[in-house]
Amino acid sequence: MTDDSAQAESLLPYAQWTEEALRVVVADALDYAAHHGLPGEHHFYITFRTTFPGVAIPAHLKARYPQEMTIVLQHRFWDLKVDRAAGYFSVGLSFGGVPSVLSVPFAALTAFADPQVKFGLRFQGPPDAPMAVEATAEPEEAAPAPEEAAPARPQVVSLDAFRRKRD
């Protein structure tokens, strides 16, 4: 069999539907955490475009992370809320001891990972076009740990410096 036929371009938006379905996985994980807390050692790395319409973050964070930001939901967060109808989540976090509330549309997400179980999703593409989705088993590819952040992505936020050390 020869490969003379090119793959036909779909008239159905499968990539968009897949992306939307995988964003529901993120919404489900956040909704679970909002209602039950994070079990065991589970924690989430969530990366999003700060320039995406509807993202609401304090001005000092927008200035520090003008393109993209990664937050970690692990020990110290509060008021995690998921509004599926509006298509966003909000969460309270402290940055340098300053409490802040972030509101992020699910469409702004570029990556989600739960390193405890090596689960990760990456959402790619320009902000004004449907994004392709890549599922990965390695969280380091989906959302690098703060100390492993590549130079091209300096906007990763580590909350370790703001946590109290356990005795």
C-alpha atoms as a PDB file:
ATOM      1  CA  MET A   1       0.000   0.000   0.000  1.00  0.00           C
ATOM      2  CA  THR A   2       1.433   3.374  -0.925  1.00  0.00           C
ATOM      3  CA  ASP A   3       0.941   6.566   0.988  1.00  0.00           C
ATOM      4  CA  ASP A   4      -0.393   8.577  -1.933  1.00  0.00           C
ATOM      5  CA  SER A   5      -3.392   9.870  -0.051  1.00  0.00           C
ATOM      6  CA  ALA A   6      -2.952  12.750   2.347  1.00  0.00           C
ATOM      7  CA  GLN A   7      -5.044  12.776   5.475  1.00  0.00           C
ATOM      8  CA  ALA A   8      -8.299  14.524   4.677  1.00  0.00           C
ATOM      9  CA  GLU A   9      -8.934  17.785   6.483  1.00  0.00           C
ATOM     10  CA  SER A  10     -11.875  17.398   8.793  1.00  0.00           C
ATOM     11  CA  LEU A  11     -14.905  19.577   8.414  1.00  0.00           C
ATOM     12  CA  LEU A  12     -15.668  18.813  12.052  1.00  0.00           C
ATOM     13  CA  PRO A  13     -13.710  20.576  14.830  1.00  0.00           C
ATOM     14  CA  TYR A  14     -12.320  17.438  16.499  1.00  0.00           C
ATOM     15  CA  ALA A  15      -9.283  19.244  17.966  1.00  0.00           C
ATOM     16  CA  GLN A  16     -11.526  21.859  19.571  1.00  0.00           C
ATOM     17  CA  TRP A  17     -13.886  19.207  20.951  1.00  0.00           C
ATOM     18  CA  THR A  18     -10.963  17.246  22.366  1.00  0.00           C
ATOM     19  CA  GLU A  19      -9.549  20.345  24.012  1.00  0.00           C
ATOM     20  CA  GLU A  20     -12.897  21.203  25.550  1.00  0.00           C
ATOM     21  CA  ALA A  21     -13.280  17.650  26.877  1.00  0.00           C
ATOM     22  CA  LEU A  22      -9.819  17.700  28.458  1.00  0.00           C
ATOM     23  CA  ARG A  23     -10.519  21.058  30.070  1.00  0.00           C
ATOM     24  CA  VAL A  24     -13.495  19.349  31.763  1.00  0.00           C
ATOM     25  CA  VAL A  25     -10.966  16.975  33.365  1.00  0.00           C
ATOM     26  CA  VAL A  26      -9.236  20.026  34.877  1.00  0.00           C
ATOM     27  CA  ALA A  27     -12.591  21.431  36.020  1.00  0.00           C
ATOM     28  CA  ASP A  28     -13.463  18.067  37.612  1.00  0.00           C
ATOM     29  CA  ALA A  29     -10.117  17.914  39.455  1.00  0.00           C
ATOM     30  CA  LEU A  30     -10.484  21.484  40.751  1.00  0.00           C
ATOM     31  CA  ASP A  31     -14.123  20.921  41.697  1.00  0.00           C
ATOM     32  CA  TYR A  32     -13.126  17.806  43.637  1.00  0.00           C
ATOM     33  CA  ALA A  33     -10.378  19.720  45.457  1.00  0.00           C
ATOM     34  CA  ALA A  34     -12.797  22.568  46.218  1.00  0.00           C
ATOM     35  CA  HIS A  35     -15.282  20.221  47.879  1.00  0.00           C
ATOM     36  CA  HIS A  36     -13.023  17.539  49.400  1.00  0.00           C
ATOM     37  CA  GLY A  37      -9.539  19.012  49.577  1.00  0.00           C
ATOM     38  CA  LEU A  38      -6.514  17.421  47.943  1.00  0.00           C
ATOM     39  CA  PRO A  39      -6.092  13.799  49.044  1.00  0.00           C
ATOM     40  CA  GLY A  40      -2.721  12.394  50.038  1.00  0.00           C
ATOM     41  CA  GLU A  41       0.193  14.044  48.271  1.00  0.00           C
ATOM     42  CA  HIS A  42      -1.817  15.203  45.249  1.00  0.00           C
ATOM     43  CA  HIS A  43      -1.092  18.771  44.149  1.00  0.00           C
ATOM     44  CA  PHE A  44      -1.726  20.723  40.976  1.00  0.00           C
ATOM     45  CA  TYR A  45       0.453  22.837  38.735  1.00  0.00           C
ATOM     46  CA  ILE A  46      -1.790  25.117  36.675  1.00  0.00           C
ATOM     47  CA  THR A  47      -0.325  27.276  33.913  1.00  0.00           C
ATOM     48  CA  PHE A  48      -2.383  29.942  32.185  1.00  0.00           C
ATOM     49  CA  ARG A  49      -2.019  32.923  29.861  1.00  0.00           C
ATOM     50  CA  THR A  50      -2.287  36.112  31.904  1.00  0.00           C
ATOM     51  CA  THR A  51      -3.230  38.056  28.765  1.00  0.00           C
ATOM     52  CA  PHE A  52      -6.282  35.919  28.016  1.00  0.00           C
ATOM     53  CA  PRO A  53      -9.625  37.790  28.146  1.00  0.00           C
ATOM     54  CA  GLY A  54     -11.328  37.290  31.487  1.00  0.00           C
ATOM     55  CA  VAL A  55      -8.202  36.514  33.514  1.00  0.00           C
ATOM     56  CA  ALA A  56      -8.395  38.576  36.707  1.00  0.00           C
ATOM     57  CA  ILE A  57      -5.190  38.790  38.744  1.00  0.00           C
ATOM     58  CA  PRO A  58      -3.772  41.622  40.849  1.00  0.00           C
ATOM     59  CA  ALA A  59      -1.801  44.267  38.947  1.00  0.00           C
ATOM     60  CA  HIS A  60       1.485  43.407  40.676  1.00  0.00           C
ATOM     61  CA  LEU A  61       1.198  39.808  39.447  1.00  0.00           C
ATOM     62  CA  LYS A  62       0.221  40.922  35.943  1.00  0.00           C
ATOM     63  CA  ALA A  63       3.314  43.135  35.854  1.00  0.00           C
ATOM     64  CA  ARG A  64       5.524  40.302  37.077  1.00  0.00           C
ATOM     65  CA  TYR A  65       3.962  37.668  34.787  1.00  0.00           C
ATOM     66  CA  PRO A  66       2.878  39.576  31.665  1.00  0.00           C
ATOM     67  CA  GLN A  67       2.411  36.515  29.426  1.00  0.00           C
ATOM     68  CA  GLU A  68       2.028  33.297  31.393  1.00  0.00           C
ATOM     69  CA  MET A  69       1.954  32.186  35.001  1.00  0.00           C
ATOM     70  CA  THR A  70       2.085  28.844  36.824  1.00  0.00           C
ATOM     71  CA  ILE A  71       0.441  28.440  40.198  1.00  0.00           C
ATOM     72  CA  VAL A  72       0.722  25.492  42.544  1.00  0.00           C
ATOM     73  CA  LEU A  73      -2.264  24.315  44.557  1.00  0.00           C
ATOM     74  CA  GLN A  74      -0.943  22.202  47.376  1.00  0.00           C
ATOM     75  CA  HIS A  75      -1.045  23.252  51.023  1.00  0.00           C
ATOM     76  CA  ARG A  76      -1.929  26.929  51.229  1.00  0.00           C
ATOM     77  CA  PHE A  77      -4.834  28.037  49.115  1.00  0.00           C
ATOM     78  CA  TRP A  78      -8.368  29.051  49.971  1.00  0.00           C
ATOM     79  CA  ASP A  79     -11.789  29.731  48.474  1.00  0.00           C
ATOM     80  CA  LEU A  80     -11.232  27.478  45.456  1.00  0.00           C
ATOM     81  CA  LYS A  81     -14.391  27.822  43.387  1.00  0.00           C
ATOM     82  CA  VAL A  82     -15.310  26.333  40.032  1.00  0.00           C
ATOM     83  CA  ASP A  83     -18.021  28.010  37.966  1.00  0.00           C
ATOM     84  CA  ARG A  84     -18.668  25.627  35.093  1.00  0.00           C
ATOM     85  CA  ALA A  85     -21.452  27.753  33.634  1.00  0.00           C
ATOM     86  CA  ALA A  86     -19.178  30.795  33.387  1.00  0.00           C
ATOM     87  CA  GLY A  87     -16.189  28.634  32.394  1.00  0.00           C
ATOM     88  CA  TYR A  88     -13.667  29.733  35.027  1.00  0.00           C
ATOM     89  CA  PHE A  89     -12.205  28.963  38.441  1.00  0.00           C
ATOM     90  CA  SER A  90     -11.033  31.275  41.212  1.00  0.00           C
ATOM     91  CA  VAL A  91      -8.654  30.667  44.081  1.00  0.00           C
ATOM     92  CA  GLY A  92      -6.979  32.566  46.894  1.00  0.00           C
ATOM     93  CA  LEU A  93      -3.181  32.367  47.171  1.00  0.00           C
ATOM     94  CA  SER A  94      -0.471  34.371  48.909  1.00  0.00           C
ATOM     95  CA  PHE A  95       2.399  35.912  46.948  1.00  0.00           C
ATOM     96  CA  GLY A  96       5.178  37.321  49.108  1.00  0.00           C
ATOM     97  CA  GLY A  97       2.820  37.248  52.073  1.00  0.00           C
ATOM     98  CA  VAL A  98       0.208  39.267  50.179  1.00  0.00           C
ATOM     99  CA  PRO A  99      -3.124  37.443  49.846  1.00  0.00           C
ATOM    100  CA  SER A 100      -4.528  37.532  46.332  1.00  0.00           C
ATOM    101  CA  VAL A 101      -7.540  36.109  44.529  1.00  0.00           C
ATOM    102  CA  LEU A 102      -7.055  34.890  40.970  1.00  0.00           C
ATOM    103  CA  SER A 103      -9.885  34.243  38.544  1.00  0.00           C
ATOM    104  CA  VAL A 104      -8.961  32.213  35.467  1.00  0.00           C
ATOM    105  CA  PRO A 105     -11.126  31.083  32.538  1.00  0.00           C
ATOM    106  CA  PHE A 106     -10.534  27.441  31.644  1.00  0.00           C
ATOM    107  CA  ALA A 107      -9.880  28.591  28.078  1.00  0.00           C
ATOM    108  CA  ALA A 108      -6.780  30.467  29.345  1.00  0.00           C
ATOM    109  CA  LEU A 109      -5.084  27.267  30.553  1.00  0.00           C
ATOM    110  CA  THR A 110      -1.930  26.127  28.808  1.00  0.00           C
ATOM    111  CA  ALA A 111      -1.019  23.252  31.145  1.00  0.00           C
ATOM    112  CA  PHE A 112      -2.253  21.218  34.084  1.00  0.00           C
ATOM    113  CA  ALA A 113      -0.341  18.593  36.031  1.00  0.00           C
ATOM    114  CA  ASP A 114      -0.644  16.455  39.121  1.00  0.00           C
ATOM    115  CA  PRO A 115       2.952  15.310  39.719  1.00  0.00           C
ATOM    116  CA  GLN A 116       1.897  12.854  42.446  1.00  0.00           C
ATOM    117  CA  VAL A 117       0.451  10.536  39.796  1.00  0.00           C
ATOM    118  CA  LYS A 118       2.491  11.769  36.825  1.00  0.00           C
ATOM    119  CA  PHE A 119      -0.593  13.102  35.070  1.00  0.00           C
ATOM    120  CA  GLY A 120      -0.408  16.129  32.839  1.00  0.00           C
ATOM    121  CA  LEU A 121      -2.161  17.950  30.036  1.00  0.00           C
ATOM    122  CA  ARG A 122      -0.755  20.620  27.771  1.00  0.00           C
ATOM    123  CA  PHE A 123      -2.969  22.955  25.790  1.00  0.00           C
ATOM    124  CA  GLN A 124      -1.137  24.637  22.916  1.00  0.00           C
ATOM    125  CA  GLY A 125      -1.863  27.171  20.225  1.00  0.00           C
ATOM    126  CA  PRO A 126      -2.209  30.880  19.652  1.00  0.00           C
ATOM    127  CA  PRO A 127      -4.690  32.602  21.974  1.00  0.00           C
ATOM    128  CA  ASP A 128      -7.053  33.550  19.160  1.00  0.00           C
ATOM    129  CA  ALA A 129      -7.219  30.149  17.452  1.00  0.00           C
ATOM    130  CA  PRO A 130      -8.429  26.705  18.528  1.00  0.00           C
ATOM    131  CA  MET A 131      -5.643  24.998  20.446  1.00  0.00           C
ATOM    132  CA  ALA A 132      -4.303  21.527  19.866  1.00  0.00           C
ATOM    133  CA  VAL A 133      -4.067  19.361  22.964  1.00  0.00           C
ATOM    134  CA  GLU A 134      -1.273  17.039  23.956  1.00  0.00           C
ATOM    135  CA  ALA A 135      -1.797  14.570  26.773  1.00  0.00           C
ATOM    136  CA  THR A 136       1.364  13.481  28.537  1.00  0.00           C
ATOM    137  CA  ALA A 137       2.260  11.096  31.302  1.00  0.00           C
ATOM    138  CA  GLU A 138       5.177  13.197  32.513  1.00  0.00           C
ATOM    139  CA  PRO A 139       4.269  16.317  34.548  1.00  0.00           C
ATOM    140  CA  GLU A 140       7.711  17.792  33.928  1.00  0.00           C
ATOM    141  CA  GLU A 141       6.684  18.231  30.292  1.00  0.00           C
ATOM    142  CA  ALA A 142       3.277  19.625  31.180  1.00  0.00           C
ATOM    143  CA  ALA A 143       4.333  22.067  33.883  1.00  0.00           C
ATOM    144  CA  PRO A 144       7.945  22.217  34.957  1.00  0.00           C
ATOM    145  CA  ALA A 145       8.674  22.388  38.641  1.00  0.00           C
ATOM    146  CA  PRO A 146       9.681  25.908  39.661  1.00  0.00           C
ATOM    147  CA  GLU A 147      13.315  25.002  40.137  1.00  0.00           C
ATOM    148  CA  GLU A 148      13.385  23.277  36.725  1.00  0.00           C
ATOM    149  CA  ALA A 149      11.747  26.077  34.736  1.00  0.00           C
ATOM    150  CA  ALA A 150      13.331  26.703  31.372  1.00  0.00           C
ATOM    151  CA  PRO A 151      14.788  30.184  30.779  1.00  0.00           C
ATOM    152  CA  ALA A 152      12.098  30.872  28.174  1.00  0.00           C
ATOM    153  CA  ARG A 153       9.406  30.441  30.837  1.00  0.00           C
ATOM    154  CA  PRO A 154      10.595  32.481  33.834  1.00  0.00           C
ATOM    155  CA  GLN A 155       7.057  33.184  35.020  1.00  0.00           C
ATOM    156  CA  VAL A 156       6.787  30.020  37.161  1.00  0.00           C
ATOM    157  CA  VAL A 157       5.804  30.839  40.720  1.00  0.00           C
ATOM    158  CA  SER A 158       7.122  28.796  43.646  1.00  0.00           C
ATOM    159  CA  LEU A 159       5.176  29.026  46.861  1.00  0.00           C
ATOM    160  CA  ASP A 160       7.725  27.027  48.892  1.00  0.00           C
ATOM    161  CA  ALA A 161       9.392  30.194  50.203  1.00  0.00           C
ATOM    162  CA  PHE A 162       6.099  31.325  51.740  1.00  0.00           C
ATOM    163  CA  ARG A 163       5.220  28.071  53.505  1.00  0.00           C
ATOM    164  CA  ARG A 164       5.880  27.499  57.156  1.00  0.00           C
ATOM    165  CA  LYS A 165       8.409  24.785  57.844  1.00  0.00           C
ATOM    166  CA  ARG A 166       7.037  21.843  59.757  1.00  0.00           C
ATOM    167  CA  ASP A 167       8.861  20.844  62.920  1.00  0.00           C
END
